[in-house]
Amino acid sequence: MSPPDLPDALISVMSGIQRLIKRRLLRESTTGPRLRGAQVELLRLVSATPGIGVSAAAKELYLAGNSVSTLVNQLTAAGLLRREPGHDDRRSARLLPTPQAEARLRVWHERRARLVREQVERLDETDRNALTAALPALRRLADGLRAEVERP
């Protein structure tokens, strides 16, 4: 593959894998309301950084503050997020996952990991080695994209 074709091929394959994983997981029954991608991303972020504020979450997810506020309202109404007053500024809110959200994320993570693990195990050793060898380059690509997005 020539270098000019690589970016399009990479984007196509990566987004296709992500879409297929989401579709497969959505087919399996889950308890509670069905969540959209941005809602799951916010829940995962709050679970990883309990107490994060709305503006910090918006910055981390590269979303507008009002979009994150809407997501917070939806997830709070669904019983998946809790808001607590900020430590320094009582007008700010700290976001915390509920036990229901933590359980849901744990099940989702286990199902996703199992799905991908099963598919990776079906690959031959040469393909598994190629994927392993590509991980450092993919991480550097992700770091470069993150730095580009964060640049003013």
C-alpha atoms as a PDB file:
ATOM      1  CA  MET A   1       0.000   0.000   0.000  1.00  0.00           C
ATOM      2  CA  SER A   2       1.392   3.374  -0.924  1.00  0.00           C
ATOM      3  CA  PRO A   3       1.745   5.994   1.845  1.00  0.00           C
ATOM      4  CA  PRO A   4      -0.985   8.310   0.439  1.00  0.00           C
ATOM      5  CA  ASP A   5      -3.515   5.453   0.698  1.00  0.00           C
ATOM      6  CA  LEU A   6      -2.537   4.532   4.253  1.00  0.00           C
ATOM      7  CA  PRO A   7      -4.457   7.280   6.134  1.00  0.00           C
ATOM      8  CA  ASP A   8      -7.765   6.495   4.401  1.00  0.00           C
ATOM      9  CA  ALA A   9      -7.294   2.744   4.819  1.00  0.00           C
ATOM     10  CA  LEU A  10      -6.394   3.159   8.495  1.00  0.00           C
ATOM     11  CA  ILE A  11      -9.398   5.392   9.202  1.00  0.00           C
ATOM     12  CA  SER A  12     -11.719   3.016   7.371  1.00  0.00           C
ATOM     13  CA  VAL A  13     -10.493  -0.082   9.179  1.00  0.00           C
ATOM     14  CA  MET A  14     -10.380   1.489  12.654  1.00  0.00           C
ATOM     15  CA  SER A  15     -13.819   3.097  12.422  1.00  0.00           C
ATOM     16  CA  GLY A  16     -15.237  -0.091  10.908  1.00  0.00           C
ATOM     17  CA  ILE A  17     -13.901  -2.193  13.783  1.00  0.00           C
ATOM     18  CA  GLN A  18     -15.336   0.251  16.327  1.00  0.00           C
ATOM     19  CA  ARG A  19     -18.753   0.269  14.608  1.00  0.00           C
ATOM     20  CA  LEU A  20     -18.868  -3.519  14.393  1.00  0.00           C
ATOM     21  CA  ILE A  21     -17.980  -3.919  18.060  1.00  0.00           C
ATOM     22  CA  LYS A  22     -20.733  -1.470  19.059  1.00  0.00           C
ATOM     23  CA  ARG A  23     -23.317  -3.169  16.826  1.00  0.00           C
ATOM     24  CA  ARG A  24     -22.443  -6.600  18.165  1.00  0.00           C
ATOM     25  CA  LEU A  25     -22.640  -5.435  21.768  1.00  0.00           C
ATOM     26  CA  LEU A  26     -25.932  -3.622  21.187  1.00  0.00           C
ATOM     27  CA  ARG A  27     -27.485  -6.856  19.935  1.00  0.00           C
ATOM     28  CA  GLU A  28     -26.845  -8.503  23.302  1.00  0.00           C
ATOM     29  CA  SER A  29     -29.431  -7.576  25.885  1.00  0.00           C
ATOM     30  CA  THR A  30     -28.496  -5.060  28.549  1.00  0.00           C
ATOM     31  CA  THR A  31     -30.376  -3.877  31.569  1.00  0.00           C
ATOM     32  CA  GLY A  32     -31.525  -0.290  31.685  1.00  0.00           C
ATOM     33  CA  PRO A  33     -31.937   2.229  28.907  1.00  0.00           C
ATOM     34  CA  ARG A  34     -29.889   1.901  25.724  1.00  0.00           C
ATOM     35  CA  LEU A  35     -27.003   4.360  25.768  1.00  0.00           C
ATOM     36  CA  ARG A  36     -25.552   6.334  22.894  1.00  0.00           C
ATOM     37  CA  GLY A  37     -21.818   6.482  22.233  1.00  0.00           C
ATOM     38  CA  ALA A  38     -21.270   9.903  23.813  1.00  0.00           C
ATOM     39  CA  GLN A  39     -23.137   8.806  26.941  1.00  0.00           C
ATOM     40  CA  VAL A  40     -20.945   5.717  27.275  1.00  0.00           C
ATOM     41  CA  GLU A  41     -17.807   7.821  26.702  1.00  0.00           C
ATOM     42  CA  LEU A  42     -18.840  10.207  29.479  1.00  0.00           C
ATOM     43  CA  LEU A  43     -19.660   7.344  31.849  1.00  0.00           C
ATOM     44  CA  ARG A  44     -16.294   5.728  31.146  1.00  0.00           C
ATOM     45  CA  LEU A  45     -14.504   9.039  31.781  1.00  0.00           C
ATOM     46  CA  VAL A  46     -16.367   9.683  35.050  1.00  0.00           C
ATOM     47  CA  SER A  47     -15.706   6.124  36.183  1.00  0.00           C
ATOM     48  CA  ALA A  48     -11.986   6.543  35.446  1.00  0.00           C
ATOM     49  CA  THR A  49     -11.829  10.015  37.073  1.00  0.00           C
ATOM     50  CA  PRO A  50     -14.513  10.211  39.770  1.00  0.00           C
ATOM     51  CA  GLY A  51     -15.214  13.779  40.801  1.00  0.00           C
ATOM     52  CA  ILE A  52     -14.376  15.290  37.418  1.00  0.00           C
ATOM     53  CA  GLY A  53     -16.268  18.475  36.625  1.00  0.00           C
ATOM     54  CA  VAL A  54     -18.423  19.178  33.590  1.00  0.00           C
ATOM     55  CA  SER A  55     -15.948  21.582  31.971  1.00  0.00           C
ATOM     56  CA  ALA A  56     -13.007  19.194  32.507  1.00  0.00           C
ATOM     57  CA  ALA A  57     -15.088  16.349  31.058  1.00  0.00           C
ATOM     58  CA  ALA A  58     -15.996  18.493  28.062  1.00  0.00           C
ATOM     59  CA  LYS A  59     -12.338  19.298  27.461  1.00  0.00           C
ATOM     60  CA  GLU A  60     -11.291  15.655  27.796  1.00  0.00           C
ATOM     61  CA  LEU A  61     -14.023  14.454  25.418  1.00  0.00           C
ATOM     62  CA  TYR A  62     -13.537  17.353  22.966  1.00  0.00           C
ATOM     63  CA  LEU A  63     -17.196  18.349  23.311  1.00  0.00           C
ATOM     64  CA  ALA A  64     -18.919  21.632  24.046  1.00  0.00           C
ATOM     65  CA  GLY A  65     -19.750  22.249  27.689  1.00  0.00           C
ATOM     66  CA  ASN A  66     -23.478  22.486  26.992  1.00  0.00           C
ATOM     67  CA  SER A  67     -23.350  19.115  25.192  1.00  0.00           C
ATOM     68  CA  VAL A  68     -21.752  17.500  28.233  1.00  0.00           C
ATOM     69  CA  SER A  69     -24.301  19.209  30.507  1.00  0.00           C
ATOM     70  CA  THR A  70     -27.074  17.650  28.420  1.00  0.00           C
ATOM     71  CA  LEU A  71     -25.419  14.235  28.679  1.00  0.00           C
ATOM     72  CA  VAL A  72     -25.014  14.675  32.440  1.00  0.00           C
ATOM     73  CA  ASN A  73     -28.717  15.515  32.776  1.00  0.00           C
ATOM     74  CA  GLN A  74     -29.682  12.438  30.742  1.00  0.00           C
ATOM     75  CA  LEU A  75     -27.412  10.108  32.686  1.00  0.00           C
ATOM     76  CA  THR A  76     -28.466  11.571  36.026  1.00  0.00           C
ATOM     77  CA  ALA A  77     -32.134  11.059  35.121  1.00  0.00           C
ATOM     78  CA  ALA A  78     -31.303   7.451  34.146  1.00  0.00           C
ATOM     79  CA  GLY A  79     -29.697   6.877  37.552  1.00  0.00           C
ATOM     80  CA  LEU A  80     -26.199   6.399  36.139  1.00  0.00           C
ATOM     81  CA  LEU A  81     -24.499   9.602  37.348  1.00  0.00           C
ATOM     82  CA  ARG A  82     -24.557  11.579  40.587  1.00  0.00           C
ATOM     83  CA  ARG A  83     -23.694  15.229  41.016  1.00  0.00           C
ATOM     84  CA  GLU A  84     -22.125  16.556  44.178  1.00  0.00           C
ATOM     85  CA  PRO A  85     -21.183  20.138  44.942  1.00  0.00           C
ATOM     86  CA  GLY A  86     -17.560  21.006  44.207  1.00  0.00           C
ATOM     87  CA  HIS A  87     -15.092  21.177  47.073  1.00  0.00           C
ATOM     88  CA  ASP A  88     -13.783  24.665  46.315  1.00  0.00           C
ATOM     89  CA  ASP A  89     -16.783  26.188  44.564  1.00  0.00           C
ATOM     90  CA  ARG A  90     -20.225  25.043  45.716  1.00  0.00           C
ATOM     91  CA  ARG A  91     -21.669  26.211  42.365  1.00  0.00           C
ATOM     92  CA  SER A  92     -19.581  23.666  40.450  1.00  0.00           C
ATOM     93  CA  ALA A  93     -20.502  20.014  40.266  1.00  0.00           C
ATOM     94  CA  ARG A  94     -18.399  16.907  40.732  1.00  0.00           C
ATOM     95  CA  LEU A  95     -19.582  13.931  38.699  1.00  0.00           C
ATOM     96  CA  LEU A  96     -19.622  10.448  40.164  1.00  0.00           C
ATOM     97  CA  PRO A  97     -20.794   7.133  38.698  1.00  0.00           C
ATOM     98  CA  THR A  98     -23.556   5.275  40.486  1.00  0.00           C
ATOM     99  CA  PRO A  99     -23.140   1.607  41.411  1.00  0.00           C
ATOM    100  CA  GLN A 100     -25.572   0.825  38.571  1.00  0.00           C
ATOM    101  CA  ALA A 101     -23.283   2.638  36.099  1.00  0.00           C
ATOM    102  CA  GLU A 102     -20.183   0.860  37.409  1.00  0.00           C
ATOM    103  CA  ALA A 103     -21.895  -2.519  37.024  1.00  0.00           C
ATOM    104  CA  ARG A 104     -23.044  -1.673  33.520  1.00  0.00           C
ATOM    105  CA  LEU A 105     -19.603  -0.488  32.466  1.00  0.00           C
ATOM    106  CA  ARG A 106     -18.002  -3.605  33.922  1.00  0.00           C
ATOM    107  CA  VAL A 107     -20.381  -5.883  31.965  1.00  0.00           C
ATOM    108  CA  TRP A 108     -19.887  -3.834  28.783  1.00  0.00           C
ATOM    109  CA  HIS A 109     -16.091  -3.946  29.166  1.00  0.00           C
ATOM    110  CA  GLU A 110     -16.089  -7.711  29.788  1.00  0.00           C
ATOM    111  CA  ARG A 111     -18.308  -8.363  26.754  1.00  0.00           C
ATOM    112  CA  ARG A 112     -16.212  -6.097  24.523  1.00  0.00           C
ATOM    113  CA  ALA A 113     -12.944  -7.685  25.680  1.00  0.00           C
ATOM    114  CA  ARG A 114     -14.355 -11.183  25.159  1.00  0.00           C
ATOM    115  CA  LEU A 115     -15.600 -10.336  21.667  1.00  0.00           C
ATOM    116  CA  VAL A 116     -12.261  -8.901  20.527  1.00  0.00           C
ATOM    117  CA  ARG A 117     -10.236 -11.617  22.272  1.00  0.00           C
ATOM    118  CA  GLU A 118     -12.245 -14.327  20.470  1.00  0.00           C
ATOM    119  CA  GLN A 119     -11.639 -12.679  17.116  1.00  0.00           C
ATOM    120  CA  VAL A 120      -7.921 -12.140  17.767  1.00  0.00           C
ATOM    121  CA  GLU A 121      -7.573 -15.807  18.779  1.00  0.00           C
ATOM    122  CA  ARG A 122      -9.038 -16.818  15.409  1.00  0.00           C
ATOM    123  CA  LEU A 123      -6.215 -15.042  13.599  1.00  0.00           C
ATOM    124  CA  ASP A 124      -3.079 -16.949  12.733  1.00  0.00           C
ATOM    125  CA  GLU A 125       0.139 -16.278  14.631  1.00  0.00           C
ATOM    126  CA  THR A 126       1.549 -14.051  11.882  1.00  0.00           C
ATOM    127  CA  ASP A 127      -1.477 -11.729  12.063  1.00  0.00           C
ATOM    128  CA  ARG A 128      -1.439 -11.663  15.888  1.00  0.00           C
ATOM    129  CA  ASN A 129       2.273 -10.776  15.823  1.00  0.00           C
ATOM    130  CA  ALA A 130       1.621  -8.038  13.236  1.00  0.00           C
ATOM    131  CA  LEU A 131      -1.104  -6.525  15.456  1.00  0.00           C
ATOM    132  CA  THR A 132       1.197  -6.645  18.476  1.00  0.00           C
ATOM    133  CA  ALA A 133       3.998  -4.998  16.519  1.00  0.00           C
ATOM    134  CA  ALA A 134       1.643  -2.254  15.290  1.00  0.00           C
ATOM    135  CA  LEU A 135       0.452  -1.213  18.772  1.00  0.00           C
ATOM    136  CA  PRO A 136       3.357   1.158  19.577  1.00  0.00           C
ATOM    137  CA  ALA A 137       2.924   2.956  16.239  1.00  0.00           C
ATOM    138  CA  LEU A 138      -0.839   3.208  16.777  1.00  0.00           C
ATOM    139  CA  ARG A 139      -0.284   4.663  20.257  1.00  0.00           C
ATOM    140  CA  ARG A 140       2.100   7.272  18.803  1.00  0.00           C
ATOM    141  CA  LEU A 141      -0.497   8.063  16.130  1.00  0.00           C
ATOM    142  CA  ALA A 142      -3.131   8.543  18.851  1.00  0.00           C
ATOM    143  CA  ASP A 143      -0.751  10.761  20.851  1.00  0.00           C
ATOM    144  CA  GLY A 144      -0.065  12.878  17.762  1.00  0.00           C
ATOM    145  CA  LEU A 145      -3.780  13.262  17.033  1.00  0.00           C
ATOM    146  CA  ARG A 146      -4.445  14.197  20.669  1.00  0.00           C
ATOM    147  CA  ALA A 147      -1.701  16.849  20.575  1.00  0.00           C
ATOM    148  CA  GLU A 148      -3.115  18.209  17.298  1.00  0.00           C
ATOM    149  CA  VAL A 149      -6.606  18.489  18.741  1.00  0.00           C
ATOM    150  CA  GLU A 150      -5.342  20.137  21.931  1.00  0.00           C
ATOM    151  CA  ARG A 151      -3.246  22.700  20.065  1.00  0.00           C
ATOM    152  CA  PRO A 152      -4.826  26.199  20.190  1.00  0.00           C
END
